[in-house]
C-alpha atoms as a PDB file:
ATOM      1  CA  MET A   1     131.188  45.005   2.519  1.00  0.00           C
ATOM      2  CA  THR A   2     131.839  48.373   0.937  1.00  0.00           C
ATOM      3  CA  GLN A   3     131.173  51.608   2.748  1.00  0.00           C
ATOM      4  CA  ARG A   4     128.679  54.037   1.210  1.00  0.00           C
ATOM      5  CA  PRO A   5     129.935  57.514   0.315  1.00  0.00           C
ATOM      6  CA  ALA A   6     128.894  60.091   2.958  1.00  0.00           C
ATOM      7  CA  HIS A   7     126.531  61.843   0.541  1.00  0.00           C
ATOM      8  CA  LEU A   8     124.631  58.559   0.027  1.00  0.00           C
ATOM      9  CA  SER A   9     124.505  57.521   3.663  1.00  0.00           C
ATOM     10  CA  GLN A  10     120.718  57.196   3.950  1.00  0.00           C
ATOM     11  CA  PRO A  11     118.136  55.194   2.017  1.00  0.00           C
ATOM     12  CA  GLY A  12     116.288  57.372  -0.483  1.00  0.00           C
ATOM     13  CA  LEU A  13     119.316  59.480  -1.468  1.00  0.00           C
ATOM     14  CA  ALA A  14     120.843  59.246  -4.946  1.00  0.00           C
ATOM     15  CA  ARG A  15     123.363  60.901  -7.215  1.00  0.00           C
ATOM     16  CA  ILE A  16     121.894  61.844 -10.587  1.00  0.00           C
ATOM     17  CA  THR A  17     124.123  62.545 -13.561  1.00  0.00           C
ATOM     18  CA  VAL A  18     122.847  64.205 -16.727  1.00  0.00           C
ATOM     19  CA  GLU A  19     125.005  63.551 -19.773  1.00  0.00           C
ATOM     20  CA  ALA A  20     124.441  65.382 -23.045  1.00  0.00           C
ATOM     21  CA  ALA A  21     126.292  66.242 -26.227  1.00  0.00           C
ATOM     22  CA  ASP A  22     126.680  69.879 -25.193  1.00  0.00           C
ATOM     23  CA  GLU A  23     126.733  71.969 -22.022  1.00  0.00           C
ATOM     24  CA  SER A  24     123.574  73.916 -22.833  1.00  0.00           C
ATOM     25  CA  THR A  25     121.473  70.761 -23.183  1.00  0.00           C
ATOM     26  CA  ALA A  26     122.900  69.176 -20.025  1.00  0.00           C
ATOM     27  CA  LEU A  27     122.142  72.306 -17.996  1.00  0.00           C
ATOM     28  CA  THR A  28     118.641  72.748 -19.447  1.00  0.00           C
ATOM     29  CA  ILE A  29     117.631  69.188 -18.631  1.00  0.00           C
ATOM     30  CA  ALA A  30     119.194  69.324 -15.158  1.00  0.00           C
ATOM     31  CA  TYR A  31     117.405  72.578 -14.272  1.00  0.00           C
ATOM     32  CA  ARG A  32     114.087  71.092 -15.419  1.00  0.00           C
ATOM     33  CA  LEU A  33     114.639  68.131 -13.100  1.00  0.00           C
ATOM     34  CA  ILE A  34     115.496  70.439 -10.198  1.00  0.00           C
ATOM     35  CA  GLU A  35     112.253  72.373 -10.705  1.00  0.00           C
ATOM     36  CA  ARG A  36     110.199  69.201 -10.329  1.00  0.00           C
ATOM     37  CA  ARG A  37     112.015  67.155  -7.706  1.00  0.00           C
ATOM     38  CA  ASN A  38     113.785  67.513  -4.376  1.00  0.00           C
ATOM     39  CA  LEU A  39     117.301  67.883  -5.808  1.00  0.00           C
ATOM     40  CA  THR A  40     120.399  69.846  -4.890  1.00  0.00           C
ATOM     41  CA  GLY A  41     122.004  72.449  -7.091  1.00  0.00           C
ATOM     42  CA  LEU A  42     124.222  71.327  -9.941  1.00  0.00           C
ATOM     43  CA  SER A  43     127.885  70.548 -10.080  1.00  0.00           C
ATOM     44  CA  ALA A  44     129.945  72.519 -12.536  1.00  0.00           C
ATOM     45  CA  PRO A  45     129.688  70.971 -16.008  1.00  0.00           C
ATOM     46  CA  TYR A  46     132.513  68.494 -16.537  1.00  0.00           C
ATOM     47  CA  ARG A  47     133.923  66.155 -19.164  1.00  0.00           C
ATOM     48  CA  VAL A  48     135.325  62.674 -18.685  1.00  0.00           C
ATOM     49  CA  PRO A  49     138.628  62.117 -20.477  1.00  0.00           C
ATOM     50  CA  ASP A  50     138.321  59.957 -23.607  1.00  0.00           C
ATOM     51  CA  GLU A  51     134.504  60.156 -23.549  1.00  0.00           C
ATOM     52  CA  GLU A  52     132.256  62.439 -25.539  1.00  0.00           C
ATOM     53  CA  GLY A  53     129.708  64.735 -23.982  1.00  0.00           C
ATOM     54  CA  VAL A  54     129.298  67.010 -20.995  1.00  0.00           C
ATOM     55  CA  ARG A  55     127.987  65.963 -17.590  1.00  0.00           C
ATOM     56  CA  VAL A  56     126.466  67.670 -14.594  1.00  0.00           C
ATOM     57  CA  ALA A  57     125.653  65.973 -11.313  1.00  0.00           C
ATOM     58  CA  MET A  58     123.190  66.621  -8.527  1.00  0.00           C
ATOM     59  CA  TYR A  59     121.911  64.742  -5.535  1.00  0.00           C
ATOM     60  CA  GLY A  60     118.324  63.913  -4.770  1.00  0.00           C
ATOM     61  CA  ASP A  61     116.006  62.737  -2.075  1.00  0.00           C
ATOM     62  CA  GLY A  62     113.349  60.250  -3.173  1.00  0.00           C
ATOM     63  CA  THR A  63     110.785  61.930  -0.950  1.00  0.00           C
ATOM     64  CA  PRO A  64     108.280  63.746  -3.188  1.00  0.00           C
ATOM     65  CA  LEU A  65     107.880  67.480  -2.803  1.00  0.00           C
ATOM     66  CA  PRO A  66     104.465  68.677  -1.594  1.00  0.00           C
ATOM     67  CA  ALA A  67     102.079  69.707  -4.348  1.00  0.00           C
ATOM     68  CA  PRO A  68     101.703  73.484  -4.838  1.00  0.00           C
ATOM     69  CA  GLY A  69      99.279  74.786  -2.217  1.00  0.00           C
ATOM     70  CA  ASP A  70      99.686  71.675  -0.030  1.00  0.00           C
ATOM     71  CA  GLU A  71     100.533  72.869   3.478  1.00  0.00           C
ATOM     72  CA  ARG A  72     101.995  69.801   5.173  1.00  0.00           C
END
């Protein structure tokens, strides 16, 4: 059995990677996701050797955010 990474130690947590052709697009899409879901801030944009594109990563909780005005 493999051990889960510490940042994925609970059910409902996930790492999300946005990959795009350029840094601007990757950041724009990632920030739009952050606005709508319970996600962490972004990693610095990075490239994978021998692969095209730019990536940014964030972590998320599958628990939905309350709707605006919902006081739970």
